């Protein structure tokens, strides 16, 4: 039950609690087949790391936006 709550976007923030806490969306096993940066270009580790750093830089903006919507 907690997993469903933490991975479901809330209407007030438009974000999942998991994304607000960890800066990335949770991958549910059913969605493993969906392409991601890590699976599309697994050999380019530096490119993957740079993309993850960019996402982490945006976490604070996402949290701020979510808190403003509450």
PDB file of N, CA and C in Angstrom:
ATOM      1  N   UNK A   1       0.829  -1.187   0.000  1.00  0.00           N
ATOM      2  CA  UNK A   1       0.000   0.000   0.000  1.00  0.00           C
ATOM      3  C   UNK A   1       0.873   1.249   0.000  1.00  0.00           C
ATOM      4  N   UNK A   2       1.936   1.270   0.770  1.00  0.00           N
ATOM      5  CA  UNK A   2       2.799   2.446   0.796  1.00  0.00           C
ATOM      6  C   UNK A   2       3.470   2.685  -0.546  1.00  0.00           C
ATOM      7  N   UNK A   3       3.868   1.598  -1.234  1.00  0.00           N
ATOM      8  CA  UNK A   3       4.516   1.756  -2.541  1.00  0.00           C
ATOM      9  C   UNK A   3       3.570   2.470  -3.503  1.00  0.00           C
ATOM     10  N   UNK A   4       2.296   2.071  -3.502  1.00  0.00           N
ATOM     11  CA  UNK A   4       1.318   2.700  -4.390  1.00  0.00           C
ATOM     12  C   UNK A   4       1.160   4.177  -4.045  1.00  0.00           C
ATOM     13  N   UNK A   5       1.126   4.502  -2.776  1.00  0.00           N
ATOM     14  CA  UNK A   5       0.983   5.897  -2.357  1.00  0.00           C
ATOM     15  C   UNK A   5       2.192   6.725  -2.779  1.00  0.00           C
ATOM     16  N   UNK A   6       3.378   6.181  -2.595  1.00  0.00           N
ATOM     17  CA  UNK A   6       4.606   6.932  -2.876  1.00  0.00           C
ATOM     18  C   UNK A   6       4.899   7.069  -4.360  1.00  0.00           C
ATOM     19  N   UNK A   7       4.305   6.243  -5.186  1.00  0.00           N
ATOM     20  CA  UNK A   7       4.596   6.286  -6.618  1.00  0.00           C
ATOM     21  C   UNK A   7       3.426   6.803  -7.444  1.00  0.00           C
ATOM     22  N   UNK A   8       2.383   7.312  -6.792  1.00  0.00           N
ATOM     23  CA  UNK A   8       1.232   7.877  -7.482  1.00  0.00           C
ATOM     24  C   UNK A   8       1.292   9.398  -7.388  1.00  0.00           C
ATOM     25  N   UNK A   9       1.196  10.092  -8.532  1.00  0.00           N
ATOM     26  CA  UNK A   9       1.210  11.564  -8.478  1.00  0.00           C
ATOM     27  C   UNK A   9       0.024  12.088  -7.668  1.00  0.00           C
ATOM     28  N   UNK A  10       0.280  13.083  -6.857  1.00  0.00           N
ATOM     29  CA  UNK A  10      -0.766  13.692  -6.047  1.00  0.00           C
ATOM     30  C   UNK A  10      -1.359  14.872  -6.800  1.00  0.00           C
ATOM     31  N   UNK A  11      -2.640  15.073  -6.646  1.00  0.00           N
ATOM     32  CA  UNK A  11      -3.317  16.130  -7.392  1.00  0.00           C
ATOM     33  C   UNK A  11      -2.850  17.518  -6.964  1.00  0.00           C
ATOM     34  N   UNK A  12      -2.443  17.683  -5.720  1.00  0.00           N
ATOM     35  CA  UNK A  12      -2.026  19.011  -5.261  1.00  0.00           C
ATOM     36  C   UNK A  12      -0.660  19.415  -5.788  1.00  0.00           C
ATOM     37  N   UNK A  13       0.252  18.466  -5.914  1.00  0.00           N
ATOM     38  CA  UNK A  13       1.611  18.798  -6.357  1.00  0.00           C
ATOM     39  C   UNK A  13       1.883  18.388  -7.794  1.00  0.00           C
ATOM     40  N   UNK A  14       1.157  17.403  -8.288  1.00  0.00           N
ATOM     41  CA  UNK A  14       1.420  16.884  -9.621  1.00  0.00           C
ATOM     42  C   UNK A  14       2.657  16.002  -9.679  1.00  0.00           C
ATOM     43  N   UNK A  15       3.257  15.725  -8.541  1.00  0.00           N
ATOM     44  CA  UNK A  15       4.470  14.907  -8.455  1.00  0.00           C
ATOM     45  C   UNK A  15       4.234  13.758  -7.481  1.00  0.00           C
ATOM     46  N   UNK A  16       5.062  12.723  -7.606  1.00  0.00           N
ATOM     47  CA  UNK A  16       4.997  11.621  -6.653  1.00  0.00           C
ATOM     48  C   UNK A  16       5.878  11.948  -5.458  1.00  0.00           C
ATOM     49  N   UNK A  17       5.510  11.504  -4.263  1.00  0.00           N
ATOM     50  CA  UNK A  17       6.383  11.707  -3.106  1.00  0.00           C
ATOM     51  C   UNK A  17       7.772  11.103  -3.332  1.00  0.00           C
ATOM     52  N   UNK A  18       7.841   9.992  -4.054  1.00  0.00           N
ATOM     53  CA  UNK A  18       9.128   9.355  -4.339  1.00  0.00           C
ATOM     54  C   UNK A  18      10.015  10.299  -5.144  1.00  0.00           C
ATOM     55  N   UNK A  19       9.473  10.946  -6.175  1.00  0.00           N
ATOM     56  CA  UNK A  19      10.260  11.870  -7.004  1.00  0.00           C
ATOM     57  C   UNK A  19      10.710  13.080  -6.192  1.00  0.00           C
ATOM     58  N   UNK A  20       9.847  13.589  -5.348  1.00  0.00           N
ATOM     59  CA  UNK A  20      10.221  14.736  -4.526  1.00  0.00           C
ATOM     60  C   UNK A  20      11.322  14.378  -3.539  1.00  0.00           C
ATOM     61  N   UNK A  21      11.314  13.155  -3.049  1.00  0.00           N
ATOM     62  CA  UNK A  21      12.322  12.733  -2.073  1.00  0.00           C
ATOM     63  C   UNK A  21      13.642  12.346  -2.726  1.00  0.00           C
ATOM     64  N   UNK A  22      13.573  11.618  -3.841  1.00  0.00           N
ATOM     65  CA  UNK A  22      14.791  11.043  -4.423  1.00  0.00           C
ATOM     66  C   UNK A  22      15.207  11.662  -5.750  1.00  0.00           C
ATOM     67  N   UNK A  23      14.383  12.520  -6.328  1.00  0.00           N
ATOM     68  CA  UNK A  23      14.759  13.206  -7.553  1.00  0.00           C
ATOM     69  C   UNK A  23      14.605  12.403  -8.824  1.00  0.00           C
ATOM     70  N   UNK A  24      14.003  11.250  -8.755  1.00  0.00           N
ATOM     71  CA  UNK A  24      13.783  10.419  -9.935  1.00  0.00           C
ATOM     72  C   UNK A  24      12.521   9.609  -9.731  1.00  0.00           C
ATOM     73  N   UNK A  25      11.922   9.201 -10.824  1.00  0.00           N
ATOM     74  CA  UNK A  25      10.728   8.379 -10.717  1.00  0.00           C
ATOM     75  C   UNK A  25      11.108   6.946 -10.387  1.00  0.00           C
ATOM     76  N   UNK A  26      10.262   6.286  -9.643  1.00  0.00           N
ATOM     77  CA  UNK A  26      10.464   4.870  -9.331  1.00  0.00           C
ATOM     78  C   UNK A  26      10.157   4.048 -10.576  1.00  0.00           C
ATOM     79  N   UNK A  27      10.916   2.998 -10.774  1.00  0.00           N
ATOM     80  CA  UNK A  27      10.657   2.102 -11.898  1.00  0.00           C
ATOM     81  C   UNK A  27       9.938   0.877 -11.364  1.00  0.00           C
ATOM     82  N   UNK A  28       8.702   0.736 -11.778  1.00  0.00           N
ATOM     83  CA  UNK A  28       7.902  -0.411 -11.379  1.00  0.00           C
ATOM     84  C   UNK A  28       8.296  -1.569 -12.292  1.00  0.00           C
ATOM     85  N   UNK A  29       8.451  -2.786 -11.776  1.00  0.00           N
ATOM     86  CA  UNK A  29       8.915  -3.907 -12.602  1.00  0.00           C
ATOM     87  C   UNK A  29       8.180  -4.072 -13.930  1.00  0.00           C
ATOM     88  N   UNK A  30       6.908  -3.739 -13.996  1.00  0.00           N
ATOM     89  CA  UNK A  30       6.158  -3.847 -15.246  1.00  0.00           C
ATOM     90  C   UNK A  30       6.726  -2.885 -16.284  1.00  0.00           C
ATOM     91  N   UNK A  31       7.285  -1.754 -15.831  1.00  0.00           N
ATOM     92  CA  UNK A  31       7.789  -0.728 -16.732  1.00  0.00           C
ATOM     93  C   UNK A  31       9.245  -0.942 -17.124  1.00  0.00           C
ATOM     94  N   UNK A  32       9.859  -2.003 -16.677  1.00  0.00           N
ATOM     95  CA  UNK A  32      11.269  -2.241 -16.973  1.00  0.00           C
ATOM     96  C   UNK A  32      11.510  -2.274 -18.477  1.00  0.00           C
ATOM     97  N   UNK A  33      10.564  -2.738 -19.244  1.00  0.00           N
ATOM     98  CA  UNK A  33      10.716  -2.805 -20.693  1.00  0.00           C
ATOM     99  C   UNK A  33      10.727  -1.450 -21.374  1.00  0.00           C
ATOM    100  N   UNK A  34      10.300  -0.403 -20.691  1.00  0.00           N
ATOM    101  CA  UNK A  34      10.294   0.934 -21.260  1.00  0.00           C
ATOM    102  C   UNK A  34      11.722   1.446 -21.397  1.00  0.00           C
ATOM    103  N   UNK A  35      12.029   2.135 -22.486  1.00  0.00           N
ATOM    104  CA  UNK A  35      13.393   2.659 -22.662  1.00  0.00           C
ATOM    105  C   UNK A  35      13.703   3.775 -21.667  1.00  0.00           C
ATOM    106  N   UNK A  36      14.923   3.794 -21.216  1.00  0.00           N
ATOM    107  CA  UNK A  36      15.407   4.860 -20.348  1.00  0.00           C
ATOM    108  C   UNK A  36      16.806   5.232 -20.804  1.00  0.00           C
ATOM    109  N   UNK A  37      17.351   6.274 -20.225  1.00  0.00           N
ATOM    110  CA  UNK A  37      18.707   6.680 -20.606  1.00  0.00           C
ATOM    111  C   UNK A  37      19.708   5.562 -20.374  1.00  0.00           C
ATOM    112  N   UNK A  38      19.538   4.839 -19.276  1.00  0.00           N
ATOM    113  CA  UNK A  38      20.476   3.759 -18.967  1.00  0.00           C
ATOM    114  C   UNK A  38      20.344   2.584 -19.915  1.00  0.00           C
ATOM    115  N   UNK A  39      19.118   2.313 -20.396  1.00  0.00           N
ATOM    116  CA  UNK A  39      18.946   1.163 -21.277  1.00  0.00           C
ATOM    117  C   UNK A  39      19.146   1.510 -22.743  1.00  0.00           C
ATOM    118  N   UNK A  40      18.920   2.773 -23.130  1.00  0.00           N
ATOM    119  CA  UNK A  40      19.092   3.165 -24.525  1.00  0.00           C
ATOM    120  C   UNK A  40      20.561   3.252 -24.917  1.00  0.00           C
ATOM    121  N   UNK A  41      21.394   3.745 -24.018  1.00  0.00           N
ATOM    122  CA  UNK A  41      22.813   3.917 -24.317  1.00  0.00           C
ATOM    123  C   UNK A  41      23.650   3.377 -23.163  1.00  0.00           C
ATOM    124  N   UNK A  42      23.598   2.068 -22.942  1.00  0.00           N
ATOM    125  CA  UNK A  42      24.282   1.510 -21.772  1.00  0.00           C
ATOM    126  C   UNK A  42      25.803   1.603 -21.841  1.00  0.00           C
ATOM    127  N   UNK A  43      26.363   1.747 -23.030  1.00  0.00           N
ATOM    128  CA  UNK A  43      27.816   1.765 -23.150  1.00  0.00           C
ATOM    129  C   UNK A  43      28.411   3.143 -22.918  1.00  0.00           C
ATOM    130  N   UNK A  44      27.593   4.176 -22.998  1.00  0.00           N
ATOM    131  CA  UNK A  44      28.098   5.534 -22.823  1.00  0.00           C
ATOM    132  C   UNK A  44      27.863   5.980 -21.381  1.00  0.00           C
ATOM    133  N   UNK A  45      28.692   5.483 -20.490  1.00  0.00           N
ATOM    134  CA  UNK A  45      28.520   5.732 -19.060  1.00  0.00           C
ATOM    135  C   UNK A  45      28.622   7.217 -18.728  1.00  0.00           C
ATOM    136  N   UNK A  46      29.553   7.931 -19.353  1.00  0.00           N
ATOM    137  CA  UNK A  46      29.717   9.356 -19.058  1.00  0.00           C
ATOM    138  C   UNK A  46      28.474  10.150 -19.462  1.00  0.00           C
ATOM    139  N   UNK A  47      27.889   9.806 -20.604  1.00  0.00           N
ATOM    140  CA  UNK A  47      26.673  10.492 -21.048  1.00  0.00           C
ATOM    141  C   UNK A  47      25.523  10.210 -20.078  1.00  0.00           C
ATOM    142  N   UNK A  48      25.416   8.972 -19.625  1.00  0.00           N
ATOM    143  CA  UNK A  48      24.381   8.619 -18.653  1.00  0.00           C
ATOM    144  C   UNK A  48      24.577   9.372 -17.344  1.00  0.00           C
ATOM    145  N   UNK A  49      25.813   9.452 -16.873  1.00  0.00           N
ATOM    146  CA  UNK A  49      26.096  10.164 -15.628  1.00  0.00           C
ATOM    147  C   UNK A  49      25.770  11.644 -15.757  1.00  0.00           C
ATOM    148  N   UNK A  50      26.080  12.243 -16.897  1.00  0.00           N
ATOM    149  CA  UNK A  50      25.774  13.660 -17.119  1.00  0.00           C
ATOM    150  C   UNK A  50      24.262  13.891 -17.110  1.00  0.00           C
ATOM    151  N   UNK A  51      23.510  12.995 -17.746  1.00  0.00           N
ATOM    152  CA  UNK A  51      22.051  13.122 -17.766  1.00  0.00           C
ATOM    153  C   UNK A  51      21.482  13.006 -16.352  1.00  0.00           C
ATOM    154  N   UNK A  52      22.019  12.095 -15.551  1.00  0.00           N
ATOM    155  CA  UNK A  52      21.560  11.957 -14.163  1.00  0.00           C
ATOM    156  C   UNK A  52      21.892  13.199 -13.349  1.00  0.00           C
ATOM    157  N   UNK A  53      23.075  13.782 -13.582  1.00  0.00           N
ATOM    158  CA  UNK A  53      23.441  15.021 -12.875  1.00  0.00           C
ATOM    159  C   UNK A  53      22.489  16.154 -13.242  1.00  0.00           C
ATOM    160  N   UNK A  54      22.115  16.246 -14.519  1.00  0.00           N
ATOM    161  CA  UNK A  54      21.171  17.281 -14.945  1.00  0.00           C
ATOM    162  C   UNK A  54      19.825  17.099 -14.251  1.00  0.00           C
ATOM    163  N   UNK A  55      19.362  15.857 -14.151  1.00  0.00           N
ATOM    164  CA  UNK A  55      18.095  15.596 -13.468  1.00  0.00           C
ATOM    165  C   UNK A  55      18.186  15.967 -11.992  1.00  0.00           C
ATOM    166  N   UNK A  56      19.310  15.681 -11.363  1.00  0.00           N
ATOM    167  CA  UNK A  56      19.477  16.032  -9.952  1.00  0.00           C
ATOM    168  C   UNK A  56      19.496  17.539  -9.762  1.00  0.00           C
ATOM    169  N   UNK A  57      20.041  18.270 -10.733  1.00  0.00           N
ATOM    170  CA  UNK A  57      20.041  19.726 -10.647  1.00  0.00           C
ATOM    171  C   UNK A  57      18.623  20.281 -10.690  1.00  0.00           C
ATOM    172  N   UNK A  58      17.727  19.582 -11.350  1.00  0.00           N
ATOM    173  CA  UNK A  58      16.345  20.043 -11.479  1.00  0.00           C
ATOM    174  C   UNK A  58      15.464  19.655 -10.298  1.00  0.00           C
ATOM    175  N   UNK A  59      15.951  18.801  -9.424  1.00  0.00           N
ATOM    176  CA  UNK A  59      15.138  18.314  -8.304  1.00  0.00           C
ATOM    177  C   UNK A  59      14.638  19.468  -7.442  1.00  0.00           C
ATOM    178  N   UNK A  60      15.492  20.393  -7.120  1.00  0.00           N
ATOM    179  CA  UNK A  60      15.085  21.508  -6.254  1.00  0.00           C
ATOM    180  C   UNK A  60      13.987  22.342  -6.917  1.00  0.00           C
ATOM    181  N   UNK A  61      14.088  22.557  -8.226  1.00  0.00           N
ATOM    182  CA  UNK A  61      13.043  23.292  -8.936  1.00  0.00           C
ATOM    183  C   UNK A  61      11.718  22.527  -8.893  1.00  0.00           C
ATOM    184  N   UNK A  62      11.778  21.225  -9.050  1.00  0.00           N
ATOM    185  CA  UNK A  62      10.563  20.403  -9.001  1.00  0.00           C
ATOM    186  C   UNK A  62       9.941  20.472  -7.613  1.00  0.00           C
ATOM    187  N   UNK A  63      10.769  20.381  -6.580  1.00  0.00           N
ATOM    188  CA  UNK A  63      10.257  20.455  -5.204  1.00  0.00           C
ATOM    189  C   UNK A  63       9.636  21.817  -4.932  1.00  0.00           C
ATOM    190  N   UNK A  64      10.291  22.880  -5.383  1.00  0.00           N
ATOM    191  CA  UNK A  64       9.763  24.229  -5.173  1.00  0.00           C
ATOM    192  C   UNK A  64       8.428  24.390  -5.882  1.00  0.00           C
ATOM    193  N   UNK A  65       8.359  23.932  -7.131  1.00  0.00           N
ATOM    194  CA  UNK A  65       7.107  24.017  -7.878  1.00  0.00           C
ATOM    195  C   UNK A  65       5.993  23.239  -7.211  1.00  0.00           C
ATOM    196  N   UNK A  66       6.323  22.074  -6.686  1.00  0.00           N
ATOM    197  CA  UNK A  66       5.314  21.255  -6.009  1.00  0.00           C
ATOM    198  C   UNK A  66       4.839  21.923  -4.728  1.00  0.00           C
ATOM    199  N   UNK A  67       5.757  22.534  -3.988  1.00  0.00           N
ATOM    200  CA  UNK A  67       5.354  23.181  -2.734  1.00  0.00           C
ATOM    201  C   UNK A  67       4.511  24.425  -3.011  1.00  0.00           C
ATOM    202  N   UNK A  68       4.739  25.093  -4.131  1.00  0.00           N
ATOM    203  CA  UNK A  68       3.937  26.262  -4.477  1.00  0.00           C
ATOM    204  C   UNK A  68       2.520  25.875  -4.878  1.00  0.00           C
ATOM    205  N   UNK A  69       2.362  24.680  -5.437  1.00  0.00           N
ATOM    206  CA  UNK A  69       1.033  24.221  -5.861  1.00  0.00           C
ATOM    207  C   UNK A  69       0.186  23.751  -4.694  1.00  0.00           C
ATOM    208  N   UNK A  70       0.789  23.471  -3.547  1.00  0.00           N
ATOM    209  CA  UNK A  70       0.024  22.949  -2.405  1.00  0.00           C
ATOM    210  C   UNK A  70      -0.872  23.986  -1.819  1.00  0.00           C
TER     211      UNK A  70
END
